[in-house]
Amino acid sequence: MKQLIFIFTVLFLVSLQSAQAQDDDLIDPVLLHLKGKLVSKDDGLPVSFAHIVNMRTHGGTTTDALGRFSMEVLNVDSLGISAMGYVKEYVRIPHFHNEDSVLVIQARPIRYAIGEVKVTGEANKVNMDGISTGKPVNISPELRGDSYNSKPPWYAAIFSPASFLQYHISRREKEKREVRAAMISDQQWEYLSQFYNKDMVRSLTGLNDQEADKFMIYFNSKSVLTARSTEYDVREAILKQFELYKLEQE
């Protein structure tokens, strides 16, 4: 009796899967002018300057400062979503999506689990009167290295081998460096967004919306801007990379 129940269950699941596949085959591809918005899953805030790629055509665009984007797609396409500080996502466009409505996509922030380290001990009090204090470090204590806040010099392997090895081998130290890099990257993009945006690109290059999106993907891949870039530096970089971009398109 149990064997018959098992066989009927398997046949039912197979027929259900087959029916679902047939339903997918019956969907006619329809061209849509998709309007979307990318927001953070945590707080619903817009995710700016993220890359949106059509996985079928490999064409793409970027979100603006408010997380909005638009592109031509089919109702059977899938989108690849990648944004700095967020998990890369693949989203399938709903078959019956109405192009008059806005498709809201949620991005999941990347989190690093760094455990708390507590050190206890006893030491004799030392008179520090008259001794100058060192330069403060901007990184919060829980993200600092145990011995070094930057890559240790080669001679540290001789004079402080334990700390040297810990910096290069310890998983905790690697996680801390990744968090620092993500913090610096987020601060950098927040600052650069004052000067580097689609309006700036369009005014300097004369490109339309769709062409500006393609150029910004090209420009972002070059990583020519830094946290110290000024508005003048941004303008010069856009013009220089645009000339190279035009040569590659020929």
C-alpha atoms as a PDB file:
ATOM      1  CA  MET A   1       0.000   0.000   0.000  1.00  0.00           C
ATOM      2  CA  LYS A   2       2.828   2.408   0.882  1.00  0.00           C
ATOM      3  CA  GLN A   3       4.519   1.662  -2.439  1.00  0.00           C
ATOM      4  CA  LEU A   4       1.338   2.561  -4.357  1.00  0.00           C
ATOM      5  CA  ILE A   5       1.002   5.832  -2.460  1.00  0.00           C
ATOM      6  CA  PHE A   6       4.629   6.662  -3.228  1.00  0.00           C
ATOM      7  CA  ILE A   7       4.182   5.884  -6.957  1.00  0.00           C
ATOM      8  CA  PHE A   8       1.020   8.014  -7.217  1.00  0.00           C
ATOM      9  CA  THR A   9       2.785  10.881  -5.435  1.00  0.00           C
ATOM     10  CA  VAL A  10       5.727  10.796  -7.847  1.00  0.00           C
ATOM     11  CA  LEU A  11       3.406  10.676 -10.888  1.00  0.00           C
ATOM     12  CA  PHE A  12       1.432  13.634  -9.552  1.00  0.00           C
ATOM     13  CA  LEU A  13       4.566  15.759  -9.050  1.00  0.00           C
ATOM     14  CA  VAL A  14       5.888  14.889 -12.522  1.00  0.00           C
ATOM     15  CA  SER A  15       2.573  15.827 -14.163  1.00  0.00           C
ATOM     16  CA  LEU A  16       2.430  19.086 -12.193  1.00  0.00           C
ATOM     17  CA  GLN A  17       5.962  20.046 -13.265  1.00  0.00           C
ATOM     18  CA  SER A  18       5.156  19.161 -16.887  1.00  0.00           C
ATOM     19  CA  ALA A  19       2.036  21.325 -16.818  1.00  0.00           C
ATOM     20  CA  GLN A  20       4.013  24.243 -15.441  1.00  0.00           C
ATOM     21  CA  ALA A  21       6.647  23.886 -18.183  1.00  0.00           C
ATOM     22  CA  GLN A  22       3.901  23.855 -20.816  1.00  0.00           C
ATOM     23  CA  ASP A  23       2.446  27.041 -19.354  1.00  0.00           C
ATOM     24  CA  ASP A  24       5.866  28.722 -19.685  1.00  0.00           C
ATOM     25  CA  ASP A  25       6.106  27.604 -23.322  1.00  0.00           C
ATOM     26  CA  LEU A  26       2.722  29.176 -24.083  1.00  0.00           C
ATOM     27  CA  ILE A  27       3.896  32.658 -23.031  1.00  0.00           C
ATOM     28  CA  ASP A  28       4.438  34.909 -26.045  1.00  0.00           C
ATOM     29  CA  PRO A  29       7.449  37.233 -25.761  1.00  0.00           C
ATOM     30  CA  VAL A  30       6.261  40.834 -25.560  1.00  0.00           C
ATOM     31  CA  LEU A  31       8.490  43.896 -25.857  1.00  0.00           C
ATOM     32  CA  LEU A  32       8.254  46.177 -22.813  1.00  0.00           C
ATOM     33  CA  HIS A  33       9.679  49.566 -21.966  1.00  0.00           C
ATOM     34  CA  LEU A  34      10.501  48.585 -18.408  1.00  0.00           C
ATOM     35  CA  LYS A  35      10.554  51.233 -15.703  1.00  0.00           C
ATOM     36  CA  GLY A  36      12.154  50.015 -12.498  1.00  0.00           C
ATOM     37  CA  LYS A  37      13.486  51.129  -9.153  1.00  0.00           C
ATOM     38  CA  LEU A  38      16.190  49.471  -7.052  1.00  0.00           C
ATOM     39  CA  VAL A  39      15.876  49.857  -3.274  1.00  0.00           C
ATOM     40  CA  SER A  40      17.609  48.422  -0.233  1.00  0.00           C
ATOM     41  CA  LYS A  41      15.793  45.499   1.343  1.00  0.00           C
ATOM     42  CA  ASP A  42      16.714  46.767   4.811  1.00  0.00           C
ATOM     43  CA  ASP A  43      15.369  50.317   4.812  1.00  0.00           C
ATOM     44  CA  GLY A  44      13.763  50.834   1.388  1.00  0.00           C
ATOM     45  CA  LEU A  45      16.201  53.597   0.450  1.00  0.00           C
ATOM     46  CA  PRO A  46      17.177  53.893  -3.253  1.00  0.00           C
ATOM     47  CA  VAL A  47      20.366  52.177  -4.447  1.00  0.00           C
ATOM     48  CA  SER A  48      22.247  54.625  -6.684  1.00  0.00           C
ATOM     49  CA  PHE A  49      24.571  53.865  -9.629  1.00  0.00           C
ATOM     50  CA  ALA A  50      23.919  50.112  -9.669  1.00  0.00           C
ATOM     51  CA  HIS A  51      24.443  48.058 -12.849  1.00  0.00           C
ATOM     52  CA  ILE A  52      21.336  46.504 -14.449  1.00  0.00           C
ATOM     53  CA  VAL A  53      22.121  43.961 -17.204  1.00  0.00           C
ATOM     54  CA  ASN A  54      19.702  42.082 -19.484  1.00  0.00           C
ATOM     55  CA  MET A  55      20.989  38.487 -19.302  1.00  0.00           C
ATOM     56  CA  ARG A  56      19.633  37.700 -22.784  1.00  0.00           C
ATOM     57  CA  THR A  57      21.127  40.629 -24.720  1.00  0.00           C
ATOM     58  CA  HIS A  58      23.917  41.548 -22.259  1.00  0.00           C
ATOM     59  CA  GLY A  59      22.903  45.170 -22.708  1.00  0.00           C
ATOM     60  CA  GLY A  60      22.577  47.246 -19.599  1.00  0.00           C
ATOM     61  CA  THR A  61      21.985  50.511 -17.827  1.00  0.00           C
ATOM     62  CA  THR A  62      22.630  52.121 -14.447  1.00  0.00           C
ATOM     63  CA  THR A  63      20.302  53.437 -11.790  1.00  0.00           C
ATOM     64  CA  ASP A  64      20.226  57.173 -11.148  1.00  0.00           C
ATOM     65  CA  ALA A  65      20.676  58.931  -7.793  1.00  0.00           C
ATOM     66  CA  LEU A  66      17.110  57.887  -6.828  1.00  0.00           C
ATOM     67  CA  GLY A  67      17.600  54.228  -7.805  1.00  0.00           C
ATOM     68  CA  ARG A  68      15.477  54.527 -10.978  1.00  0.00           C
ATOM     69  CA  PHE A  69      16.219  52.978 -14.369  1.00  0.00           C
ATOM     70  CA  SER A  70      14.495  52.176 -17.667  1.00  0.00           C
ATOM     71  CA  MET A  71      15.308  49.808 -20.546  1.00  0.00           C
ATOM     72  CA  GLU A  72      13.792  47.808 -23.379  1.00  0.00           C
ATOM     73  CA  VAL A  73      13.161  44.154 -22.422  1.00  0.00           C
ATOM     74  CA  LEU A  74      10.959  41.168 -23.199  1.00  0.00           C
ATOM     75  CA  ASN A  75       8.515  39.838 -20.631  1.00  0.00           C
ATOM     76  CA  VAL A  76      10.538  36.591 -20.559  1.00  0.00           C
ATOM     77  CA  ASP A  77      13.901  38.244 -19.802  1.00  0.00           C
ATOM     78  CA  SER A  78      15.943  38.141 -16.611  1.00  0.00           C
ATOM     79  CA  LEU A  79      17.994  40.974 -15.130  1.00  0.00           C
ATOM     80  CA  GLY A  80      21.357  40.789 -13.396  1.00  0.00           C
ATOM     81  CA  ILE A  81      21.615  43.340 -10.569  1.00  0.00           C
ATOM     82  CA  SER A  82      24.993  44.346  -9.148  1.00  0.00           C
ATOM     83  CA  ALA A  83      25.620  47.245  -6.764  1.00  0.00           C
ATOM     84  CA  MET A  84      28.497  48.184  -4.543  1.00  0.00           C
ATOM     85  CA  GLY A  85      27.883  46.868  -1.015  1.00  0.00           C
ATOM     86  CA  TYR A  86      25.003  44.582  -2.091  1.00  0.00           C
ATOM     87  CA  VAL A  87      24.639  40.902  -3.007  1.00  0.00           C
ATOM     88  CA  LYS A  88      24.483  40.269  -6.761  1.00  0.00           C
ATOM     89  CA  GLU A  89      20.926  39.308  -7.712  1.00  0.00           C
ATOM     90  CA  TYR A  90      19.169  37.772 -10.733  1.00  0.00           C
ATOM     91  CA  VAL A  91      15.553  38.846 -11.160  1.00  0.00           C
ATOM     92  CA  ARG A  92      13.050  37.432 -13.645  1.00  0.00           C
ATOM     93  CA  ILE A  93      10.640  39.950 -15.141  1.00  0.00           C
ATOM     94  CA  PRO A  94       7.010  38.991 -14.361  1.00  0.00           C
ATOM     95  CA  HIS A  95       5.312  37.597 -17.489  1.00  0.00           C
ATOM     96  CA  PHE A  96       2.263  39.825 -17.099  1.00  0.00           C
ATOM     97  CA  HIS A  97       4.063  42.982 -15.966  1.00  0.00           C
ATOM     98  CA  ASN A  98       2.327  46.197 -16.997  1.00  0.00           C
ATOM     99  CA  GLU A  99       4.870  48.608 -18.461  1.00  0.00           C
ATOM    100  CA  ASP A 100       2.856  51.545 -17.076  1.00  0.00           C
ATOM    101  CA  SER A 101       3.790  50.467 -13.544  1.00  0.00           C
ATOM    102  CA  VAL A 102       7.199  50.586 -11.864  1.00  0.00           C
ATOM    103  CA  LEU A 103       8.945  47.290 -11.075  1.00  0.00           C
ATOM    104  CA  VAL A 104      10.473  47.602  -7.604  1.00  0.00           C
ATOM    105  CA  ILE A 105      13.522  45.376  -7.002  1.00  0.00           C
ATOM    106  CA  GLN A 106      15.018  44.858  -3.556  1.00  0.00           C
ATOM    107  CA  ALA A 107      18.784  44.534  -3.096  1.00  0.00           C
ATOM    108  CA  ARG A 108      20.243  42.700  -0.112  1.00  0.00           C
ATOM    109  CA  PRO A 109      23.126  44.502   1.666  1.00  0.00           C
ATOM    110  CA  ILE A 110      26.331  42.543   2.231  1.00  0.00           C
ATOM    111  CA  ARG A 111      27.049  41.925   5.902  1.00  0.00           C
ATOM    112  CA  TYR A 112      30.238  40.758   7.553  1.00  0.00           C
ATOM    113  CA  ALA A 113      29.954  38.958  10.861  1.00  0.00           C
ATOM    114  CA  ILE A 114      32.852  40.081  13.014  1.00  0.00           C
ATOM    115  CA  GLY A 115      32.865  38.718  16.514  1.00  0.00           C
ATOM    116  CA  GLU A 116      33.711  40.824  19.533  1.00  0.00           C
ATOM    117  CA  VAL A 117      37.142  40.334  21.093  1.00  0.00           C
ATOM    118  CA  LYS A 118      37.560  41.047  24.805  1.00  0.00           C
ATOM    119  CA  VAL A 119      41.013  41.166  26.403  1.00  0.00           C
ATOM    120  CA  THR A 120      41.356  41.231  30.174  1.00  0.00           C
ATOM    121  CA  GLY A 121      44.432  41.407  32.361  1.00  0.00           C
ATOM    122  CA  GLU A 122      46.226  43.243  35.113  1.00  0.00           C
ATOM    123  CA  ALA A 123      49.055  45.724  34.791  1.00  0.00           C
ATOM    124  CA  ASN A 124      50.835  48.239  36.992  1.00  0.00           C
ATOM    125  CA  LYS A 125      49.745  51.841  36.523  1.00  0.00           C
ATOM    126  CA  VAL A 126      52.222  53.956  34.587  1.00  0.00           C
ATOM    127  CA  ASN A 127      52.641  57.697  34.983  1.00  0.00           C
ATOM    128  CA  MET A 128      51.880  59.148  31.511  1.00  0.00           C
ATOM    129  CA  ASP A 129      52.208  62.822  32.466  1.00  0.00           C
ATOM    130  CA  GLY A 130      54.145  64.788  29.861  1.00  0.00           C
ATOM    131  CA  ILE A 131      53.928  62.071  27.186  1.00  0.00           C
ATOM    132  CA  SER A 132      52.271  63.221  23.945  1.00  0.00           C
ATOM    133  CA  THR A 133      49.430  61.208  22.518  1.00  0.00           C
ATOM    134  CA  GLY A 134      49.550  59.598  19.080  1.00  0.00           C
ATOM    135  CA  LYS A 135      47.499  60.517  16.037  1.00  0.00           C
ATOM    136  CA  PRO A 136      43.933  59.182  16.395  1.00  0.00           C
ATOM    137  CA  VAL A 137      42.671  56.486  14.020  1.00  0.00           C
ATOM    138  CA  ASN A 138      39.352  57.118  12.261  1.00  0.00           C
ATOM    139  CA  ILE A 139      38.449  53.408  12.060  1.00  0.00           C
ATOM    140  CA  SER A 140      36.222  52.184  14.876  1.00  0.00           C
ATOM    141  CA  PRO A 141      37.966  49.896  17.419  1.00  0.00           C
ATOM    142  CA  GLU A 142      36.055  46.748  16.456  1.00  0.00           C
ATOM    143  CA  LEU A 143      37.313  47.055  12.859  1.00  0.00           C
ATOM    144  CA  ARG A 144      40.956  47.746  13.644  1.00  0.00           C
ATOM    145  CA  GLY A 145      43.654  45.135  13.205  1.00  0.00           C
ATOM    146  CA  ASP A 146      45.065  43.534  16.328  1.00  0.00           C
ATOM    147  CA  SER A 147      48.541  44.844  15.500  1.00  0.00           C
ATOM    148  CA  TYR A 148      48.459  46.792  12.254  1.00  0.00           C
ATOM    149  CA  ASN A 149      45.934  49.159  10.650  1.00  0.00           C
ATOM    150  CA  SER A 150      47.778  48.834   7.325  1.00  0.00           C
ATOM    151  CA  LYS A 151      49.931  46.195   5.659  1.00  0.00           C
ATOM    152  CA  PRO A 152      52.987  45.568   7.900  1.00  0.00           C
ATOM    153  CA  PRO A 153      56.477  46.118   6.435  1.00  0.00           C
ATOM    154  CA  TRP A 154      58.644  43.134   5.517  1.00  0.00           C
ATOM    155  CA  TYR A 155      60.895  43.532   8.555  1.00  0.00           C
ATOM    156  CA  ALA A 156      57.891  42.993  10.840  1.00  0.00           C
ATOM    157  CA  ALA A 157      58.305  39.275  10.020  1.00  0.00           C
ATOM    158  CA  ILE A 158      61.573  39.419  11.994  1.00  0.00           C
ATOM    159  CA  PHE A 159      60.725  41.759  14.879  1.00  0.00           C
ATOM    160  CA  SER A 160      57.042  40.863  15.296  1.00  0.00           C
ATOM    161  CA  PRO A 161      56.466  37.520  13.530  1.00  0.00           C
ATOM    162  CA  ALA A 162      53.265  36.647  15.404  1.00  0.00           C
ATOM    163  CA  SER A 163      51.524  39.871  14.393  1.00  0.00           C
ATOM    164  CA  PHE A 164      52.935  39.659  10.861  1.00  0.00           C
ATOM    165  CA  LEU A 165      51.544  36.163  10.344  1.00  0.00           C
ATOM    166  CA  GLN A 166      48.233  37.084  11.935  1.00  0.00           C
ATOM    167  CA  TYR A 167      47.769  39.977   9.466  1.00  0.00           C
ATOM    168  CA  HIS A 168      48.353  37.716   6.441  1.00  0.00           C
ATOM    169  CA  ILE A 169      46.760  34.463   7.645  1.00  0.00           C
ATOM    170  CA  SER A 170      44.035  35.318  10.154  1.00  0.00           C
ATOM    171  CA  ARG A 171      40.524  35.083   8.704  1.00  0.00           C
ATOM    172  CA  ARG A 172      39.352  37.735  11.177  1.00  0.00           C
ATOM    173  CA  GLU A 173      41.937  40.203   9.884  1.00  0.00           C
ATOM    174  CA  LYS A 174      40.847  39.570   6.278  1.00  0.00           C
ATOM    175  CA  GLU A 175      37.216  40.213   7.211  1.00  0.00           C
ATOM    176  CA  LYS A 176      38.205  43.456   8.912  1.00  0.00           C
ATOM    177  CA  ARG A 177      40.071  44.646   5.810  1.00  0.00           C
ATOM    178  CA  GLU A 178      37.059  43.805   3.627  1.00  0.00           C
ATOM    179  CA  VAL A 179      34.774  45.852   5.889  1.00  0.00           C
ATOM    180  CA  ARG A 180      37.179  48.801   5.803  1.00  0.00           C
ATOM    181  CA  ALA A 181      37.316  48.636   1.999  1.00  0.00           C
ATOM    182  CA  ALA A 182      33.513  48.577   1.776  1.00  0.00           C
ATOM    183  CA  MET A 183      33.241  51.571   4.139  1.00  0.00           C
ATOM    184  CA  ILE A 184      35.756  53.590   2.111  1.00  0.00           C
ATOM    185  CA  SER A 185      34.039  52.620  -1.151  1.00  0.00           C
ATOM    186  CA  ASP A 186      30.601  53.721   0.100  1.00  0.00           C
ATOM    187  CA  GLN A 187      31.991  57.052   1.341  1.00  0.00           C
ATOM    188  CA  GLN A 188      33.791  57.534  -1.975  1.00  0.00           C
ATOM    189  CA  TRP A 189      30.639  57.005  -4.077  1.00  0.00           C
ATOM    190  CA  GLU A 190      28.582  59.241  -1.795  1.00  0.00           C
ATOM    191  CA  TYR A 191      31.103  62.050  -2.308  1.00  0.00           C
ATOM    192  CA  LEU A 192      31.578  61.504  -6.069  1.00  0.00           C
ATOM    193  CA  SER A 193      27.834  61.378  -6.747  1.00  0.00           C
ATOM    194  CA  GLN A 194      27.825  65.170  -6.282  1.00  0.00           C
ATOM    195  CA  PHE A 195      29.806  65.526  -9.515  1.00  0.00           C
ATOM    196  CA  TYR A 196      29.512  62.175 -11.307  1.00  0.00           C
ATOM    197  CA  ASN A 197      25.982  61.471 -12.493  1.00  0.00           C
ATOM    198  CA  LYS A 198      24.030  60.987 -15.717  1.00  0.00           C
ATOM    199  CA  ASP A 199      23.229  64.694 -16.064  1.00  0.00           C
ATOM    200  CA  MET A 200      26.927  65.530 -15.921  1.00  0.00           C
ATOM    201  CA  VAL A 201      27.749  62.795 -18.471  1.00  0.00           C
ATOM    202  CA  ARG A 202      25.031  63.968 -20.876  1.00  0.00           C
ATOM    203  CA  SER A 203      26.068  67.627 -20.674  1.00  0.00           C
ATOM    204  CA  LEU A 204      29.740  66.817 -21.385  1.00  0.00           C
ATOM    205  CA  THR A 205      29.263  64.148 -24.067  1.00  0.00           C
ATOM    206  CA  GLY A 206      25.974  65.058 -25.740  1.00  0.00           C
ATOM    207  CA  LEU A 207      24.725  61.469 -25.363  1.00  0.00           C
ATOM    208  CA  ASN A 208      21.061  60.597 -24.896  1.00  0.00           C
ATOM    209  CA  ASP A 209      19.780  58.607 -21.905  1.00  0.00           C
ATOM    210  CA  GLN A 210      20.369  55.139 -23.341  1.00  0.00           C
ATOM    211  CA  GLU A 211      23.810  55.977 -24.749  1.00  0.00           C
ATOM    212  CA  ALA A 212      24.818  57.672 -21.486  1.00  0.00           C
ATOM    213  CA  ASP A 213      23.886  54.504 -19.564  1.00  0.00           C
ATOM    214  CA  LYS A 214      26.171  52.398 -21.778  1.00  0.00           C
ATOM    215  CA  PHE A 215      29.036  54.858 -21.440  1.00  0.00           C
ATOM    216  CA  MET A 216      28.669  55.001 -17.642  1.00  0.00           C
ATOM    217  CA  ILE A 217      28.988  51.211 -17.441  1.00  0.00           C
ATOM    218  CA  TYR A 218      32.174  51.497 -19.526  1.00  0.00           C
ATOM    219  CA  PHE A 219      33.447  54.411 -17.418  1.00  0.00           C
ATOM    220  CA  ASN A 220      32.753  52.670 -14.093  1.00  0.00           C
ATOM    221  CA  SER A 221      34.716  49.600 -15.199  1.00  0.00           C
ATOM    222  CA  LYS A 222      37.862  51.745 -15.611  1.00  0.00           C
ATOM    223  CA  SER A 223      37.961  52.808 -11.909  1.00  0.00           C
ATOM    224  CA  VAL A 224      39.658  56.102 -12.763  1.00  0.00           C
ATOM    225  CA  LEU A 225      38.061  58.101  -9.925  1.00  0.00           C
ATOM    226  CA  THR A 226      39.318  58.138  -6.359  1.00  0.00           C
ATOM    227  CA  ALA A 227      38.078  59.511  -3.053  1.00  0.00           C
ATOM    228  CA  ARG A 228      40.252  62.604  -3.651  1.00  0.00           C
ATOM    229  CA  SER A 229      38.840  63.365  -7.116  1.00  0.00           C
ATOM    230  CA  THR A 230      37.494  66.911  -7.446  1.00  0.00           C
ATOM    231  CA  GLU A 231      34.755  68.130  -9.782  1.00  0.00           C
ATOM    232  CA  TYR A 232      37.485  69.203 -12.207  1.00  0.00           C
ATOM    233  CA  ASP A 233      39.065  65.721 -12.048  1.00  0.00           C
ATOM    234  CA  VAL A 234      35.672  64.114 -12.736  1.00  0.00           C
ATOM    235  CA  ARG A 235      35.061  66.313 -15.792  1.00  0.00           C
ATOM    236  CA  GLU A 236      38.522  65.632 -17.189  1.00  0.00           C
ATOM    237  CA  ALA A 237      38.164  61.880 -16.627  1.00  0.00           C
ATOM    238  CA  ILE A 238      34.758  61.769 -18.354  1.00  0.00           C
ATOM    239  CA  LEU A 239      36.052  63.638 -21.425  1.00  0.00           C
ATOM    240  CA  LYS A 240      39.204  61.507 -21.653  1.00  0.00           C
ATOM    241  CA  GLN A 241      37.388  58.185 -21.252  1.00  0.00           C
ATOM    242  CA  PHE A 242      34.702  59.308 -23.704  1.00  0.00           C
ATOM    243  CA  GLU A 243      37.336  59.769 -26.423  1.00  0.00           C
ATOM    244  CA  LEU A 244      38.631  56.254 -25.737  1.00  0.00           C
ATOM    245  CA  TYR A 245      35.084  54.927 -25.654  1.00  0.00           C
ATOM    246  CA  LYS A 246      34.335  56.378 -29.107  1.00  0.00           C
ATOM    247  CA  LEU A 247      37.484  54.792 -30.543  1.00  0.00           C
ATOM    248  CA  GLU A 248      36.477  51.379 -29.196  1.00  0.00           C
ATOM    249  CA  GLN A 249      32.986  51.738 -30.690  1.00  0.00           C
ATOM    250  CA  GLU A 250      34.342  52.365 -34.180  1.00  0.00           C
END
